[in-house]
N, C-alpha and C. Protein backbone atom coordinates (compact mmCIF):
# COMPACT_ATOMS: atom_id res chain seq x y z
N MET A 1 -17.28 -4.44 -17.53
CA MET A 1 -16.21 -3.47 -17.39
C MET A 1 -15.68 -3.53 -15.97
N GLY A 2 -14.37 -3.75 -15.81
CA GLY A 2 -13.77 -3.91 -14.49
C GLY A 2 -13.43 -2.58 -13.84
N SER A 3 -13.23 -2.64 -12.55
CA SER A 3 -12.80 -1.44 -11.82
C SER A 3 -11.31 -1.26 -12.01
N GLN A 4 -10.79 -0.12 -11.50
CA GLN A 4 -9.35 0.12 -11.59
C GLN A 4 -8.58 -0.98 -10.90
N ALA A 5 -9.06 -1.44 -9.77
CA ALA A 5 -8.36 -2.50 -9.04
C ALA A 5 -8.39 -3.80 -9.84
N ASP A 6 -9.51 -4.10 -10.51
CA ASP A 6 -9.61 -5.33 -11.29
C ASP A 6 -8.67 -5.32 -12.48
N ASP A 7 -8.42 -4.14 -13.06
CA ASP A 7 -7.59 -4.03 -14.25
C ASP A 7 -6.11 -3.89 -13.92
N TYR A 8 -5.78 -3.63 -12.67
CA TYR A 8 -4.40 -3.39 -12.27
C TYR A 8 -3.66 -4.70 -12.08
N LYS A 9 -2.48 -4.78 -12.63
CA LYS A 9 -1.63 -5.95 -12.46
C LYS A 9 -0.35 -5.51 -11.75
N PRO A 10 -0.04 -6.08 -10.58
CA PRO A 10 1.19 -5.71 -9.89
C PRO A 10 2.41 -5.90 -10.79
N THR A 11 3.35 -5.01 -10.65
CA THR A 11 4.55 -5.02 -11.47
C THR A 11 5.64 -5.82 -10.78
N PRO A 12 6.47 -6.53 -11.55
CA PRO A 12 7.59 -7.26 -10.93
C PRO A 12 8.47 -6.32 -10.11
N SER A 13 9.10 -6.84 -9.09
CA SER A 13 9.86 -6.07 -8.11
C SER A 13 10.80 -4.98 -8.64
N PRO A 14 11.61 -5.20 -9.65
CA PRO A 14 12.58 -4.16 -10.01
C PRO A 14 11.97 -2.86 -10.51
N ALA A 15 10.73 -2.87 -10.96
CA ALA A 15 10.14 -1.67 -11.54
C ALA A 15 9.83 -0.65 -10.44
N PRO A 16 10.08 0.64 -10.72
CA PRO A 16 9.71 1.66 -9.73
C PRO A 16 8.20 1.82 -9.71
N LEU A 17 7.61 1.74 -8.54
CA LEU A 17 6.17 1.86 -8.42
C LEU A 17 5.85 3.06 -7.56
N GLU A 18 5.56 4.18 -8.20
CA GLU A 18 5.21 5.39 -7.48
C GLU A 18 3.93 5.94 -8.04
N GLY A 19 3.24 6.69 -7.23
CA GLY A 19 2.02 7.32 -7.69
C GLY A 19 0.86 6.37 -7.82
N LEU A 20 0.85 5.33 -6.99
CA LEU A 20 -0.26 4.39 -7.03
C LEU A 20 -1.46 4.96 -6.28
N ASN A 21 -2.67 4.56 -6.71
CA ASN A 21 -3.85 4.92 -5.94
C ASN A 21 -4.10 3.80 -4.92
N PHE A 22 -5.10 3.98 -4.07
CA PHE A 22 -5.33 3.02 -2.99
C PHE A 22 -5.65 1.61 -3.50
N PRO A 23 -6.55 1.45 -4.49
CA PRO A 23 -6.80 0.08 -4.98
C PRO A 23 -5.55 -0.59 -5.54
N GLN A 24 -4.70 0.17 -6.23
CA GLN A 24 -3.46 -0.39 -6.75
C GLN A 24 -2.51 -0.76 -5.60
N ALA A 25 -2.46 0.09 -4.59
CA ALA A 25 -1.61 -0.19 -3.43
C ALA A 25 -2.05 -1.48 -2.74
N ILE A 26 -3.35 -1.67 -2.60
CA ILE A 26 -3.87 -2.88 -1.96
C ILE A 26 -3.54 -4.11 -2.81
N CYS A 27 -3.60 -3.97 -4.11
CA CYS A 27 -3.19 -5.08 -4.99
C CYS A 27 -1.74 -5.47 -4.72
N GLU A 28 -0.89 -4.49 -4.52
CA GLU A 28 0.52 -4.76 -4.22
C GLU A 28 0.65 -5.48 -2.88
N VAL A 29 -0.13 -5.06 -1.89
CA VAL A 29 -0.10 -5.71 -0.57
C VAL A 29 -0.56 -7.15 -0.70
N LYS A 30 -1.57 -7.39 -1.51
CA LYS A 30 -2.11 -8.74 -1.67
C LYS A 30 -1.09 -9.71 -2.23
N VAL A 31 -0.12 -9.22 -3.02
CA VAL A 31 0.91 -10.12 -3.57
C VAL A 31 2.17 -10.14 -2.70
N GLY A 32 2.09 -9.51 -1.51
CA GLY A 32 3.20 -9.61 -0.58
C GLY A 32 4.10 -8.40 -0.48
N ASN A 33 3.82 -7.36 -1.26
CA ASN A 33 4.64 -6.15 -1.17
C ASN A 33 4.19 -5.28 -0.01
N LYS A 34 5.07 -4.42 0.44
CA LYS A 34 4.77 -3.44 1.48
C LYS A 34 4.62 -2.10 0.79
N VAL A 35 3.65 -1.29 1.21
CA VAL A 35 3.42 0.02 0.60
C VAL A 35 3.36 1.11 1.67
N THR A 36 3.73 2.31 1.26
CA THR A 36 3.65 3.47 2.12
C THR A 36 3.17 4.65 1.29
N ARG A 37 2.89 5.75 1.96
CA ARG A 37 2.51 6.98 1.25
C ARG A 37 3.65 7.98 1.38
N LEU A 38 3.94 8.66 0.27
CA LEU A 38 4.98 9.69 0.30
C LEU A 38 4.61 10.79 1.29
N SER A 39 3.33 11.11 1.42
CA SER A 39 2.89 12.19 2.31
C SER A 39 3.08 11.83 3.79
N TRP A 40 3.30 10.56 4.11
CA TRP A 40 3.54 10.19 5.50
C TRP A 40 4.93 10.64 5.96
N ASN A 41 5.84 10.86 5.03
CA ASN A 41 7.20 11.30 5.35
C ASN A 41 7.90 10.39 6.35
N ASN A 42 7.54 9.11 6.34
CA ASN A 42 8.19 8.16 7.24
C ASN A 42 8.25 6.80 6.54
N PRO A 43 9.33 6.54 5.81
CA PRO A 43 9.43 5.28 5.08
C PRO A 43 9.47 4.05 5.97
N LYS A 44 9.64 4.24 7.29
CA LYS A 44 9.66 3.09 8.19
C LYS A 44 8.25 2.65 8.58
N GLU A 45 7.23 3.44 8.21
CA GLU A 45 5.84 3.04 8.42
C GLU A 45 5.28 2.59 7.10
N PHE A 46 4.75 1.39 7.07
CA PHE A 46 4.23 0.85 5.82
C PHE A 46 3.06 -0.08 6.11
N ILE A 47 2.31 -0.36 5.07
CA ILE A 47 1.14 -1.23 5.13
C ILE A 47 1.54 -2.63 4.69
N LEU A 48 1.02 -3.63 5.37
CA LEU A 48 1.25 -5.02 5.00
C LEU A 48 0.09 -5.87 5.52
N LEU A 49 0.07 -7.10 5.09
CA LEU A 49 -0.89 -8.06 5.65
C LEU A 49 -0.20 -8.77 6.81
N SER A 50 -0.85 -8.80 7.96
CA SER A 50 -0.31 -9.48 9.13
C SER A 50 -1.44 -10.28 9.76
N GLY A 51 -1.28 -11.57 9.78
CA GLY A 51 -2.34 -12.42 10.33
C GLY A 51 -3.62 -12.34 9.53
N GLY A 52 -3.50 -12.09 8.22
CA GLY A 52 -4.67 -11.98 7.35
C GLY A 52 -5.40 -10.66 7.46
N LYS A 53 -4.81 -9.68 8.17
CA LYS A 53 -5.44 -8.38 8.32
C LYS A 53 -4.53 -7.29 7.78
N LEU A 54 -5.14 -6.23 7.29
CA LEU A 54 -4.39 -5.09 6.80
C LEU A 54 -3.88 -4.30 8.00
N CYS A 55 -2.57 -4.14 8.09
CA CYS A 55 -1.95 -3.48 9.24
C CYS A 55 -0.96 -2.42 8.78
N ILE A 56 -0.67 -1.50 9.68
CA ILE A 56 0.40 -0.55 9.46
C ILE A 56 1.52 -0.92 10.43
N MET A 57 2.70 -1.08 9.89
CA MET A 57 3.87 -1.41 10.70
C MET A 57 4.48 -0.12 11.22
N LYS A 58 4.59 -0.05 12.53
CA LYS A 58 5.22 1.10 13.18
C LYS A 58 6.42 0.59 13.97
N ALA A 59 7.14 1.48 14.62
CA ALA A 59 8.35 1.11 15.35
C ALA A 59 8.08 0.05 16.41
N ASP A 60 6.88 0.06 17.00
CA ASP A 60 6.57 -0.91 18.06
C ASP A 60 5.78 -2.12 17.55
N GLY A 61 5.72 -2.31 16.24
CA GLY A 61 5.06 -3.48 15.68
C GLY A 61 3.82 -3.13 14.87
N PRO A 62 3.11 -4.17 14.38
CA PRO A 62 1.94 -3.92 13.53
C PRO A 62 0.73 -3.46 14.34
N HIS A 63 -0.04 -2.56 13.73
CA HIS A 63 -1.29 -2.05 14.31
C HIS A 63 -2.38 -2.18 13.25
N PRO A 64 -3.63 -2.41 13.65
CA PRO A 64 -4.71 -2.43 12.67
C PRO A 64 -4.73 -1.10 11.91
N LEU A 65 -4.93 -1.18 10.62
CA LEU A 65 -4.97 0.03 9.79
C LEU A 65 -6.36 0.64 9.85
N ILE A 66 -6.42 1.91 10.17
CA ILE A 66 -7.65 2.68 10.07
C ILE A 66 -7.47 3.58 8.85
N VAL A 67 -8.21 3.27 7.80
CA VAL A 67 -8.04 3.95 6.51
C VAL A 67 -8.80 5.27 6.54
N SER A 68 -8.10 6.35 6.23
CA SER A 68 -8.73 7.68 6.17
C SER A 68 -9.19 7.97 4.74
N ASP A 69 -9.99 9.02 4.60
CA ASP A 69 -10.37 9.47 3.26
C ASP A 69 -9.13 9.83 2.44
N GLY A 70 -8.17 10.48 3.11
CA GLY A 70 -6.93 10.84 2.42
C GLY A 70 -6.19 9.62 1.90
N ASP A 71 -6.19 8.52 2.68
CA ASP A 71 -5.56 7.28 2.23
C ASP A 71 -6.30 6.71 1.03
N MET A 72 -7.63 6.70 1.10
CA MET A 72 -8.43 6.10 0.02
C MET A 72 -8.32 6.88 -1.28
N PHE A 73 -8.21 8.21 -1.19
CA PHE A 73 -8.18 9.01 -2.41
C PHE A 73 -6.78 9.47 -2.78
N GLY A 74 -5.79 9.16 -1.95
CA GLY A 74 -4.42 9.54 -2.24
C GLY A 74 -3.86 8.78 -3.43
N GLU A 75 -3.02 9.44 -4.17
CA GLU A 75 -2.36 8.81 -5.31
C GLU A 75 -0.84 8.90 -5.17
N ASP A 76 -0.39 8.86 -3.91
CA ASP A 76 1.04 8.94 -3.63
C ASP A 76 1.54 7.68 -2.93
N TRP A 77 0.86 6.57 -3.15
CA TRP A 77 1.30 5.29 -2.57
C TRP A 77 2.50 4.80 -3.37
N VAL A 78 3.45 4.21 -2.67
CA VAL A 78 4.63 3.64 -3.30
C VAL A 78 4.95 2.30 -2.68
N VAL A 79 5.55 1.42 -3.45
CA VAL A 79 5.99 0.13 -2.95
C VAL A 79 7.31 0.33 -2.24
N VAL A 80 7.43 -0.22 -1.03
CA VAL A 80 8.67 -0.13 -0.26
C VAL A 80 9.65 -1.16 -0.81
N ARG A 81 10.85 -0.72 -1.12
CA ARG A 81 11.89 -1.61 -1.66
C ARG A 81 12.92 -1.89 -0.62
């Protein structure tokens, strides 16, 4: 029996992707999509892979992502379009 992340298949780009949990959001990042959280209230900050590492892109460039409990258990991740 697989985990939620194992069973999740990223959706093609045109589909609206809202309400993702953290494992689903990471799956989206792994296929090249950028994700953010609605609760961050800043669509210009998003998660991506940079140099093979999970980073958060801010106004001054990418920073290593420090994942909080809220990030891990949040279900408000969305794919940035």
